[in-house]
Amino acid sequence: MSISRVPCVRFYSNQFLKELTGLKATEKGIYTTLVLLMKDKKEPLINNTSYLSGWCGCSVRTFQKALQALIRTGHITQLENGNLWYGSTAFEYENNKFSERAS
């Protein structure tokens, strides 16, 4: 695969670091993993705790606790259908309906 075909994301590290301020280490890791999964899929994640906790490398209980904290702080948004989306300004959004709906 040529380099020009490798997908990339515009990422503002200084903004993302600001967004991580105040989060516990576990929350930072889970948030980062969830945001990258959402960017990769280009759509909200189905709120499947078992699947997502596996991706994040933690127990279901730890994942649920961190996810609730991320929702409470506004880092992650739970959409009307229960799916998960993010509101990070550290990434340039493509004009897509999910970013608009979550903001």
PDB file of N, CA and C in Angstrom:
ATOM      1  N   MET A   1       0.851  -1.175   0.000  1.00  0.00           N
ATOM      2  CA  MET A   1       0.000   0.000   0.000  1.00  0.00           C
ATOM      3  C   MET A   1       0.891   1.231   0.000  1.00  0.00           C
ATOM      4  N   SER A   2       0.587   2.161  -0.861  1.00  0.00           N
ATOM      5  CA  SER A   2       1.398   3.379  -0.917  1.00  0.00           C
ATOM      6  C   SER A   2       1.048   4.301   0.238  1.00  0.00           C
ATOM      7  N   ILE A   3       1.983   5.149   0.595  1.00  0.00           N
ATOM      8  CA  ILE A   3       1.778   6.078   1.700  1.00  0.00           C
ATOM      9  C   ILE A   3       0.592   6.991   1.443  1.00  0.00           C
ATOM     10  N   SER A   4       0.362   7.367   0.201  1.00  0.00           N
ATOM     11  CA  SER A   4      -0.741   8.280  -0.098  1.00  0.00           C
ATOM     12  C   SER A   4      -2.107   7.644   0.168  1.00  0.00           C
ATOM     13  N   ARG A   5      -2.170   6.322   0.308  1.00  0.00           N
ATOM     14  CA  ARG A   5      -3.437   5.646   0.554  1.00  0.00           C
ATOM     15  C   ARG A   5      -3.672   5.340   2.032  1.00  0.00           C
ATOM     16  N   VAL A   6      -2.725   5.605   2.867  1.00  0.00           N
ATOM     17  CA  VAL A   6      -2.876   5.347   4.289  1.00  0.00           C
ATOM     18  C   VAL A   6      -3.749   6.441   4.890  1.00  0.00           C
ATOM     19  N   PRO A   7      -4.859   6.056   5.553  1.00  0.00           N
ATOM     20  CA  PRO A   7      -5.721   7.078   6.136  1.00  0.00           C
ATOM     21  C   PRO A   7      -5.012   7.806   7.275  1.00  0.00           C
ATOM     22  N   CYS A   8      -5.294   9.068   7.404  1.00  0.00           N
ATOM     23  CA  CYS A   8      -4.713   9.844   8.495  1.00  0.00           C
ATOM     24  C   CYS A   8      -5.772  10.779   9.065  1.00  0.00           C
ATOM     25  N   VAL A   9      -5.470  11.299  10.237  1.00  0.00           N
ATOM     26  CA  VAL A   9      -6.378  12.187  10.950  1.00  0.00           C
ATOM     27  C   VAL A   9      -5.606  13.439  11.313  1.00  0.00           C
ATOM     28  N   ARG A  10      -6.210  14.594  11.107  1.00  0.00           N
ATOM     29  CA  ARG A  10      -5.586  15.826  11.595  1.00  0.00           C
ATOM     30  C   ARG A  10      -5.826  15.891  13.094  1.00  0.00           C
ATOM     31  N   PHE A  11      -4.736  16.002  13.812  1.00  0.00           N
ATOM     32  CA  PHE A  11      -4.777  15.878  15.264  1.00  0.00           C
ATOM     33  C   PHE A  11      -4.006  17.031  15.887  1.00  0.00           C
ATOM     34  N   TYR A  12      -4.633  17.740  16.799  1.00  0.00           N
ATOM     35  CA  TYR A  12      -4.001  18.860  17.497  1.00  0.00           C
ATOM     36  C   TYR A  12      -3.637  18.394  18.905  1.00  0.00           C
ATOM     37  N   SER A  13      -2.396  17.980  19.068  1.00  0.00           N
ATOM     38  CA  SER A  13      -1.977  17.378  20.331  1.00  0.00           C
ATOM     39  C   SER A  13      -2.147  18.318  21.514  1.00  0.00           C
ATOM     40  N   ASN A  14      -1.874  19.611  21.332  1.00  0.00           N
ATOM     41  CA  ASN A  14      -2.014  20.538  22.460  1.00  0.00           C
ATOM     42  C   ASN A  14      -3.464  20.610  22.927  1.00  0.00           C
ATOM     43  N   GLN A  15      -4.412  20.579  22.011  1.00  0.00           N
ATOM     44  CA  GLN A  15      -5.826  20.611  22.378  1.00  0.00           C
ATOM     45  C   GLN A  15      -6.229  19.309  23.062  1.00  0.00           C
ATOM     46  N   PHE A  16      -5.762  18.192  22.537  1.00  0.00           N
ATOM     47  CA  PHE A  16      -6.113  16.901  23.123  1.00  0.00           C
ATOM     48  C   PHE A  16      -5.560  16.791  24.543  1.00  0.00           C
ATOM     49  N   LEU A  17      -4.334  17.262  24.756  1.00  0.00           N
ATOM     50  CA  LEU A  17      -3.754  17.231  26.101  1.00  0.00           C
ATOM     51  C   LEU A  17      -4.571  18.074  27.070  1.00  0.00           C
ATOM     52  N   LYS A  18      -5.078  19.216  26.614  1.00  0.00           N
ATOM     53  CA  LYS A  18      -5.947  20.046  27.459  1.00  0.00           C
ATOM     54  C   LYS A  18      -7.215  19.285  27.827  1.00  0.00           C
ATOM     55  N   GLU A  19      -7.757  18.554  26.864  1.00  0.00           N
ATOM     56  CA  GLU A  19      -8.981  17.792  27.117  1.00  0.00           C
ATOM     57  C   GLU A  19      -8.754  16.660  28.118  1.00  0.00           C
ATOM     58  N   LEU A  20      -7.540  16.155  28.202  1.00  0.00           N
ATOM     59  CA  LEU A  20      -7.227  15.072  29.137  1.00  0.00           C
ATOM     60  C   LEU A  20      -7.027  15.575  30.566  1.00  0.00           C
ATOM     61  N   THR A  21      -6.838  16.876  30.718  1.00  0.00           N
ATOM     62  CA  THR A  21      -6.607  17.454  32.039  1.00  0.00           C
ATOM     63  C   THR A  21      -7.772  17.125  32.967  1.00  0.00           C
ATOM     64  N   GLY A  22      -7.452  16.644  34.149  1.00  0.00           N
ATOM     65  CA  GLY A  22      -8.468  16.339  35.146  1.00  0.00           C
ATOM     66  C   GLY A  22      -8.985  14.911  35.095  1.00  0.00           C
ATOM     67  N   LEU A  23      -8.635  14.177  34.052  1.00  0.00           N
ATOM     68  CA  LEU A  23      -9.061  12.780  33.975  1.00  0.00           C
ATOM     69  C   LEU A  23      -8.063  11.886  34.698  1.00  0.00           C
ATOM     70  N   LYS A  24      -8.567  10.808  35.271  1.00  0.00           N
ATOM     71  CA  LYS A  24      -7.694   9.805  35.884  1.00  0.00           C
ATOM     72  C   LYS A  24      -6.998   9.026  34.774  1.00  0.00           C
ATOM     73  N   ALA A  25      -5.915   8.347  35.110  1.00  0.00           N
ATOM     74  CA  ALA A  25      -5.129   7.612  34.113  1.00  0.00           C
ATOM     75  C   ALA A  25      -5.984   6.613  33.336  1.00  0.00           C
ATOM     76  N   THR A  26      -6.830   5.880  34.029  1.00  0.00           N
ATOM     77  CA  THR A  26      -7.695   4.906  33.360  1.00  0.00           C
ATOM     78  C   THR A  26      -8.646   5.597  32.399  1.00  0.00           C
ATOM     79  N   GLU A  27      -9.220   6.710  32.813  1.00  0.00           N
ATOM     80  CA  GLU A  27     -10.144   7.465  31.962  1.00  0.00           C
ATOM     81  C   GLU A  27      -9.433   8.000  30.722  1.00  0.00           C
ATOM     82  N   LYS A  28      -8.197   8.455  30.897  1.00  0.00           N
ATOM     83  CA  LYS A  28      -7.420   8.956  29.750  1.00  0.00           C
ATOM     84  C   LYS A  28      -7.204   7.854  28.716  1.00  0.00           C
ATOM     85  N   GLY A  29      -6.815   6.687  29.184  1.00  0.00           N
ATOM     86  CA  GLY A  29      -6.566   5.572  28.278  1.00  0.00           C
ATOM     87  C   GLY A  29      -7.824   5.122  27.559  1.00  0.00           C
ATOM     88  N   ILE A  30      -8.911   5.025  28.293  1.00  0.00           N
ATOM     89  CA  ILE A  30     -10.175   4.594  27.699  1.00  0.00           C
ATOM     90  C   ILE A  30     -10.693   5.647  26.737  1.00  0.00           C
ATOM     91  N   TYR A  31     -10.614   6.908  27.119  1.00  0.00           N
ATOM     92  CA  TYR A  31     -11.068   7.993  26.238  1.00  0.00           C
ATOM     93  C   TYR A  31     -10.277   8.003  24.934  1.00  0.00           C
ATOM     94  N   THR A  32      -8.969   7.911  25.042  1.00  0.00           N
ATOM     95  CA  THR A  32      -8.118   7.923  23.852  1.00  0.00           C
ATOM     96  C   THR A  32      -8.457   6.748  22.938  1.00  0.00           C
ATOM     97  N   THR A  33      -8.618   5.567  23.507  1.00  0.00           N
ATOM     98  CA  THR A  33      -8.951   4.388  22.713  1.00  0.00           C
ATOM     99  C   THR A  33     -10.310   4.543  22.042  1.00  0.00           C
ATOM    100  N   LEU A  34     -11.311   5.021  22.783  1.00  0.00           N
ATOM    101  CA  LEU A  34     -12.649   5.188  22.205  1.00  0.00           C
ATOM    102  C   LEU A  34     -12.645   6.206  21.067  1.00  0.00           C
ATOM    103  N   VAL A  35     -11.974   7.329  21.274  1.00  0.00           N
ATOM    104  CA  VAL A  35     -11.925   8.357  20.225  1.00  0.00           C
ATOM    105  C   VAL A  35     -11.251   7.804  18.969  1.00  0.00           C
ATOM    106  N   LEU A  36     -10.160   7.081  19.137  1.00  0.00           N
ATOM    107  CA  LEU A  36      -9.467   6.518  17.974  1.00  0.00           C
ATOM    108  C   LEU A  36     -10.317   5.459  17.268  1.00  0.00           C
ATOM    109  N   LEU A  37     -11.058   4.664  18.028  1.00  0.00           N
ATOM    110  CA  LEU A  37     -11.974   3.700  17.411  1.00  0.00           C
ATOM    111  C   LEU A  37     -13.063   4.418  16.612  1.00  0.00           C
ATOM    112  N   MET A  38     -13.601   5.496  17.170  1.00  0.00           N
ATOM    113  CA  MET A  38     -14.640   6.262  16.478  1.00  0.00           C
ATOM    114  C   MET A  38     -14.093   6.890  15.205  1.00  0.00           C
ATOM    115  N   LYS A  39     -12.878   7.435  15.297  1.00  0.00           N
ATOM    116  CA  LYS A  39     -12.257   8.026  14.108  1.00  0.00           C
ATOM    117  C   LYS A  39     -12.018   6.957  13.053  1.00  0.00           C
ATOM    118  N   ASP A  40     -11.583   5.781  13.468  1.00  0.00           N
ATOM    119  CA  ASP A  40     -11.312   4.701  12.527  1.00  0.00           C
ATOM    120  C   ASP A  40     -12.593   4.234  11.834  1.00  0.00           C
ATOM    121  N   LYS A  41     -13.662   4.083  12.608  1.00  0.00           N
ATOM    122  CA  LYS A  41     -14.926   3.602  12.052  1.00  0.00           C
ATOM    123  C   LYS A  41     -15.712   4.708  11.353  1.00  0.00           C
ATOM    124  N   LYS A  42     -15.382   5.964  11.675  1.00  0.00           N
ATOM    125  CA  LYS A  42     -16.082   7.128  11.118  1.00  0.00           C
ATOM    126  C   LYS A  42     -17.570   7.116  11.456  1.00  0.00           C
ATOM    127  N   GLU A  43     -17.874   6.574  12.629  1.00  0.00           N
ATOM    128  CA  GLU A  43     -19.255   6.554  13.102  1.00  0.00           C
ATOM    129  C   GLU A  43     -19.257   6.276  14.603  1.00  0.00           C
ATOM    130  N   PRO A  44     -20.387   6.552  15.256  1.00  0.00           N
ATOM    131  CA  PRO A  44     -20.476   6.265  16.688  1.00  0.00           C
ATOM    132  C   PRO A  44     -20.290   4.775  16.966  1.00  0.00           C
ATOM    133  N   LEU A  45     -19.865   4.489  18.179  1.00  0.00           N
ATOM    134  CA  LEU A  45     -19.661   3.104  18.596  1.00  0.00           C
ATOM    135  C   LEU A  45     -20.924   2.568  19.249  1.00  0.00           C
ATOM    136  N   ILE A  46     -21.244   1.324  18.948  1.00  0.00           N
ATOM    137  CA  ILE A  46     -22.330   0.658  19.663  1.00  0.00           C
ATOM    138  C   ILE A  46     -21.847   0.467  21.093  1.00  0.00           C
ATOM    139  N   ASN A  47     -22.681   0.796  22.046  1.00  0.00           N
ATOM    140  CA  ASN A  47     -22.307   0.726  23.456  1.00  0.00           C
ATOM    141  C   ASN A  47     -22.336  -0.729  23.926  1.00  0.00           C
ATOM    142  N   ASN A  48     -21.354  -1.487  23.484  1.00  0.00           N
ATOM    143  CA  ASN A  48     -21.202  -2.888  23.852  1.00  0.00           C
ATOM    144  C   ASN A  48     -20.045  -2.959  24.843  1.00  0.00           C
ATOM    145  N   THR A  49     -20.391  -2.957  26.109  1.00  0.00           N
ATOM    146  CA  THR A  49     -19.402  -2.865  27.183  1.00  0.00           C
ATOM    147  C   THR A  49     -18.355  -3.974  27.111  1.00  0.00           C
ATOM    148  N   SER A  50     -18.792  -5.172  26.842  1.00  0.00           N
ATOM    149  CA  SER A  50     -17.876  -6.310  26.772  1.00  0.00           C
ATOM    150  C   SER A  50     -16.837  -6.117  25.668  1.00  0.00           C
ATOM    151  N   TYR A  51     -17.302  -5.753  24.492  1.00  0.00           N
ATOM    152  CA  TYR A  51     -16.429  -5.544  23.336  1.00  0.00           C
ATOM    153  C   TYR A  51     -15.478  -4.372  23.572  1.00  0.00           C
ATOM    154  N   LEU A  52     -16.022  -3.245  24.027  1.00  0.00           N
ATOM    155  CA  LEU A  52     -15.205  -2.041  24.205  1.00  0.00           C
ATOM    156  C   LEU A  52     -14.205  -2.193  25.347  1.00  0.00           C
ATOM    157  N   SER A  53     -14.594  -2.867  26.422  1.00  0.00           N
ATOM    158  CA  SER A  53     -13.639  -3.068  27.524  1.00  0.00           C
ATOM    159  C   SER A  53     -12.471  -3.931  27.055  1.00  0.00           C
ATOM    160  N   GLY A  54     -12.745  -4.880  26.173  1.00  0.00           N
ATOM    161  CA  GLY A  54     -11.673  -5.694  25.594  1.00  0.00           C
ATOM    162  C   GLY A  54     -10.713  -4.849  24.774  1.00  0.00           C
ATOM    163  N   TRP A  55     -11.253  -3.945  23.977  1.00  0.00           N
ATOM    164  CA  TRP A  55     -10.410  -3.044  23.188  1.00  0.00           C
ATOM    165  C   TRP A  55      -9.558  -2.173  24.101  1.00  0.00           C
ATOM    166  N   CYS A  56     -10.138  -1.766  25.215  1.00  0.00           N
ATOM    167  CA  CYS A  56      -9.432  -0.856  26.130  1.00  0.00           C
ATOM    168  C   CYS A  56      -8.505  -1.597  27.086  1.00  0.00           C
ATOM    169  N   GLY A  57      -8.580  -2.915  27.102  1.00  0.00           N
ATOM    170  CA  GLY A  57      -7.678  -3.704  27.934  1.00  0.00           C
ATOM    171  C   GLY A  57      -7.975  -3.619  29.415  1.00  0.00           C
ATOM    172  N   CYS A  58      -9.262  -3.547  29.752  1.00  0.00           N
ATOM    173  CA  CYS A  58      -9.630  -3.457  31.166  1.00  0.00           C
ATOM    174  C   CYS A  58     -10.875  -4.303  31.427  1.00  0.00           C
ATOM    175  N   SER A  59     -11.208  -4.450  32.689  1.00  0.00           N
ATOM    176  CA  SER A  59     -12.403  -5.214  33.048  1.00  0.00           C
ATOM    177  C   SER A  59     -13.654  -4.427  32.666  1.00  0.00           C
ATOM    178  N   VAL A  60     -14.758  -5.144  32.559  1.00  0.00           N
ATOM    179  CA  VAL A  60     -16.038  -4.502  32.255  1.00  0.00           C
ATOM    180  C   VAL A  60     -16.368  -3.475  33.337  1.00  0.00           C
ATOM    181  N   ARG A  61     -16.136  -3.842  34.584  1.00  0.00           N
ATOM    182  CA  ARG A  61     -16.442  -2.937  35.700  1.00  0.00           C
ATOM    183  C   ARG A  61     -15.629  -1.639  35.607  1.00  0.00           C
ATOM    184  N   THR A  62     -14.333  -1.760  35.346  1.00  0.00           N
ATOM    185  CA  THR A  62     -13.472  -0.582  35.207  1.00  0.00           C
ATOM    186  C   THR A  62     -13.922   0.265  34.026  1.00  0.00           C
ATOM    187  N   PHE A  63     -14.252  -0.394  32.914  1.00  0.00           N
ATOM    188  CA  PHE A  63     -14.705   0.327  31.727  1.00  0.00           C
ATOM    189  C   PHE A  63     -15.991   1.095  32.014  1.00  0.00           C
ATOM    190  N   GLN A  64     -16.963   0.441  32.633  1.00  0.00           N
ATOM    191  CA  GLN A  64     -18.246   1.093  32.925  1.00  0.00           C
ATOM    192  C   GLN A  64     -18.059   2.314  33.819  1.00  0.00           C
ATOM    193  N   LYS A  65     -17.228   2.183  34.828  1.00  0.00           N
ATOM    194  CA  LYS A  65     -16.970   3.295  35.747  1.00  0.00           C
ATOM    195  C   LYS A  65     -16.326   4.469  35.005  1.00  0.00           C
ATOM    196  N   ALA A  66     -15.334   4.175  34.184  1.00  0.00           N
ATOM    197  CA  ALA A  66     -14.653   5.232  33.426  1.00  0.00           C
ATOM    198  C   ALA A  66     -15.588   5.851  32.392  1.00  0.00           C
ATOM    199  N   LEU A  67     -16.381   5.029  31.717  1.00  0.00           N
ATOM    200  CA  LEU A  67     -17.309   5.548  30.712  1.00  0.00           C
ATOM    201  C   LEU A  67     -18.319   6.493  31.350  1.00  0.00           C
ATOM    202  N   GLN A  68     -18.849   6.130  32.501  1.00  0.00           N
ATOM    203  CA  GLN A  68     -19.797   7.020  33.179  1.00  0.00           C
ATOM    204  C   GLN A  68     -19.143   8.354  33.530  1.00  0.00           C
ATOM    205  N   ALA A  69     -17.893   8.310  33.965  1.00  0.00           N
ATOM    206  CA  ALA A  69     -17.167   9.552  34.265  1.00  0.00           C
ATOM    207  C   ALA A  69     -16.974  10.381  32.997  1.00  0.00           C
ATOM    208  N   LEU A  70     -16.647   9.733  31.881  1.00  0.00           N
ATOM    209  CA  LEU A  70     -16.431  10.448  30.614  1.00  0.00           C
ATOM    210  C   LEU A  70     -17.730  11.050  30.084  1.00  0.00           C
ATOM    211  N   ILE A  71     -18.834  10.369  30.287  1.00  0.00           N
ATOM    212  CA  ILE A  71     -20.134  10.912  29.890  1.00  0.00           C
ATOM    213  C   ILE A  71     -20.486  12.090  30.793  1.00  0.00           C
ATOM    214  N   ARG A  72     -20.263  11.927  32.086  1.00  0.00           N
ATOM    215  CA  ARG A  72     -20.579  12.984  33.057  1.00  0.00           C
ATOM    216  C   ARG A  72     -19.777  14.259  32.780  1.00  0.00           C
ATOM    217  N   THR A  73     -18.531  14.116  32.358  1.00  0.00           N
ATOM    218  CA  THR A  73     -17.687  15.289  32.103  1.00  0.00           C
ATOM    219  C   THR A  73     -17.854  15.845  30.693  1.00  0.00           C
ATOM    220  N   GLY A  74     -18.642  15.152  29.859  1.00  0.00           N
ATOM    221  CA  GLY A  74     -18.891  15.636  28.507  1.00  0.00           C
ATOM    222  C   GLY A  74     -17.845  15.223  27.486  1.00  0.00           C
ATOM    223  N   HIS A  75     -16.916  14.384  27.877  1.00  0.00           N
ATOM    224  CA  HIS A  75     -15.905  13.909  26.926  1.00  0.00           C
ATOM    225  C   HIS A  75     -16.523  12.956  25.900  1.00  0.00           C
ATOM    226  N   ILE A  76     -17.452  12.131  26.370  1.00  0.00           N
ATOM    227  CA  ILE A  76     -18.177  11.188  25.514  1.00  0.00           C
ATOM    228  C   ILE A  76     -19.660  11.524  25.625  1.00  0.00           C
ATOM    229  N   THR A  77     -20.343  11.445  24.489  1.00  0.00           N
ATOM    230  CA  THR A  77     -21.782  11.695  24.459  1.00  0.00           C
ATOM    231  C   THR A  77     -22.495  10.390  24.150  1.00  0.00           C
ATOM    232  N   GLN A  78     -23.533  10.102  24.937  1.00  0.00           N
ATOM    233  CA  GLN A  78     -24.365   8.949  24.623  1.00  0.00           C
ATOM    234  C   GLN A  78     -25.538   9.462  23.799  1.00  0.00           C
ATOM    235  N   LEU A  79     -25.623   9.019  22.561  1.00  0.00           N
ATOM    236  CA  LEU A  79     -26.659   9.472  21.646  1.00  0.00           C
ATOM    237  C   LEU A  79     -28.008   8.866  22.032  1.00  0.00           C
ATOM    238  N   GLU A  80     -29.069   9.367  21.425  1.00  0.00           N
ATOM    239  CA  GLU A  80     -30.422   8.900  21.738  1.00  0.00           C
ATOM    240  C   GLU A  80     -30.567   7.389  21.590  1.00  0.00           C
ATOM    241  N   ASN A  81     -29.878   6.815  20.625  1.00  0.00           N
ATOM    242  CA  ASN A  81     -29.978   5.365  20.399  1.00  0.00           C
ATOM    243  C   ASN A  81     -29.029   4.563  21.294  1.00  0.00           C
ATOM    244  N   GLY A  82     -28.309   5.239  22.188  1.00  0.00           N
ATOM    245  CA  GLY A  82     -27.400   4.573  23.115  1.00  0.00           C
ATOM    246  C   GLY A  82     -25.962   4.483  22.637  1.00  0.00           C
ATOM    247  N   ASN A  83     -25.728   4.754  21.354  1.00  0.00           N
ATOM    248  CA  ASN A  83     -24.368   4.708  20.822  1.00  0.00           C
ATOM    249  C   ASN A  83     -23.513   5.820  21.412  1.00  0.00           C
ATOM    250  N   LEU A  84     -22.213   5.676  21.277  1.00  0.00           N
ATOM    251  CA  LEU A  84     -21.261   6.611  21.885  1.00  0.00           C
ATOM    252  C   LEU A  84     -20.562   7.431  20.817  1.00  0.00           C
ATOM    253  N   TRP A  85     -20.387   8.720  21.091  1.00  0.00           N
ATOM    254  CA  TRP A  85     -19.672   9.630  20.198  1.00  0.00           C
ATOM    255  C   TRP A  85     -18.860  10.579  21.057  1.00  0.00           C
ATOM    256  N   TYR A  86     -17.965  11.321  20.444  1.00  0.00           N
ATOM    257  CA  TYR A  86     -17.089  12.223  21.184  1.00  0.00           C
ATOM    258  C   TYR A  86     -17.253  13.646  20.674  1.00  0.00           C
ATOM    259  N   GLY A  87     -16.860  14.595  21.497  1.00  0.00           N
ATOM    260  CA  GLY A  87     -16.951  15.995  21.111  1.00  0.00           C
ATOM    261  C   GLY A  87     -15.602  16.681  21.084  1.00  0.00           C
ATOM    262  N   SER A  88     -14.549  15.919  20.953  1.00  0.00           N
ATOM    263  CA  SER A  88     -13.202  16.478  20.984  1.00  0.00           C
ATOM    264  C   SER A  88     -12.983  17.476  19.859  1.00  0.00           C
ATOM    265  N   THR A  89     -12.354  18.584  20.190  1.00  0.00           N
ATOM    266  CA  THR A  89     -11.984  19.567  19.170  1.00  0.00           C
ATOM    267  C   THR A  89     -10.529  19.389  18.746  1.00  0.00           C
ATOM    268  N   ALA A  90      -9.896  18.330  19.227  1.00  0.00           N
ATOM    269  CA  ALA A  90      -8.496  18.071  18.877  1.00  0.00           C
ATOM    270  C   ALA A  90      -8.361  17.444  17.495  1.00  0.00           C
ATOM    271  N   PHE A  91      -9.466  17.011  16.946  1.00  0.00           N
ATOM    272  CA  PHE A  91      -9.458  16.391  15.620  1.00  0.00           C
ATOM    273  C   PHE A  91     -10.277  17.247  14.681  1.00  0.00           C
ATOM    274  N   GLU A  92      -9.819  17.356  13.450  1.00  0.00           N
ATOM    275  CA  GLU A  92     -10.622  18.054  12.457  1.00  0.00           C
ATOM    276  C   GLU A  92     -11.717  17.111  12.018  1.00  0.00           C
ATOM    277  N   TYR A  93     -12.934  17.594  12.150  1.00  0.00           N
ATOM    278  CA  TYR A  93     -14.072  16.789  11.729  1.00  0.00           C
ATOM    279  C   TYR A  93     -14.227  16.846  10.230  1.00  0.00           C
ATOM    280  N   GLU A  94     -14.530  15.702   9.647  1.00  0.00           N
ATOM    281  CA  GLU A  94     -15.037  15.735   8.298  1.00  0.00           C
ATOM    282  C   GLU A  94     -16.490  16.166   8.483  1.00  0.00           C
ATOM    283  N   ASN A  95     -17.075  16.783   7.513  1.00  0.00           N
ATOM    284  CA  ASN A  95     -18.470  17.172   7.640  1.00  0.00           C
ATOM    285  C   ASN A  95     -19.319  15.914   7.654  1.00  0.00           C
ATOM    286  N   ASN A  96     -19.629  15.458   8.862  1.00  0.00           N
ATOM    287  CA  ASN A  96     -20.488  14.282   8.934  1.00  0.00           C
ATOM    288  C   ASN A  96     -21.585  14.498   9.948  1.00  0.00           C
ATOM    289  N   LYS A  97     -22.664  13.770   9.780  1.00  0.00           N
ATOM    290  CA  LYS A  97     -23.863  13.969  10.579  1.00  0.00           C
ATOM    291  C   LYS A  97     -23.654  13.629  12.048  1.00  0.00           C
ATOM    292  N   PHE A  98     -22.725  12.731  12.383  1.00  0.00           N
ATOM    293  CA  PHE A  98     -22.546  12.333  13.765  1.00  0.00           C
ATOM    294  C   PHE A  98     -21.914  13.443  14.597  1.00  0.00           C
ATOM    295  N   SER A  99     -20.944  14.143  14.046  1.00  0.00           N
ATOM    296  CA  SER A  99     -20.291  15.240  14.755  1.00  0.00           C
ATOM    297  C   SER A  99     -21.287  16.341  15.052  1.00  0.00           C
ATOM    298  N   GLU A 100     -22.134  16.642  14.086  1.00  0.00           N
ATOM    299  CA  GLU A 100     -23.130  17.693  14.269  1.00  0.00           C
ATOM    300  C   GLU A 100     -24.150  17.288  15.316  1.00  0.00           C
ATOM    301  N   ARG A 101     -24.567  16.026  15.309  1.00  0.00           N
ATOM    302  CA  ARG A 101     -25.577  15.548  16.236  1.00  0.00           C
ATOM    303  C   ARG A 101     -25.059  15.535  17.669  1.00  0.00           C
ATOM    304  N   ALA A 102     -23.790  15.237  17.859  1.00  0.00           N
ATOM    305  CA  ALA A 102     -23.211  15.117  19.195  1.00  0.00           C
ATOM    306  C   ALA A 102     -22.889  16.469  19.811  1.00  0.00           C
ATOM    307  N   SER A 103     -22.820  17.525  19.005  1.00  0.00           N
ATOM    308  CA  SER A 103     -22.422  18.817  19.567  1.00  0.00           C
ATOM    309  C   SER A 103     -23.591  19.629  20.049  1.00  0.00           C
TER     310      SER A 103
END
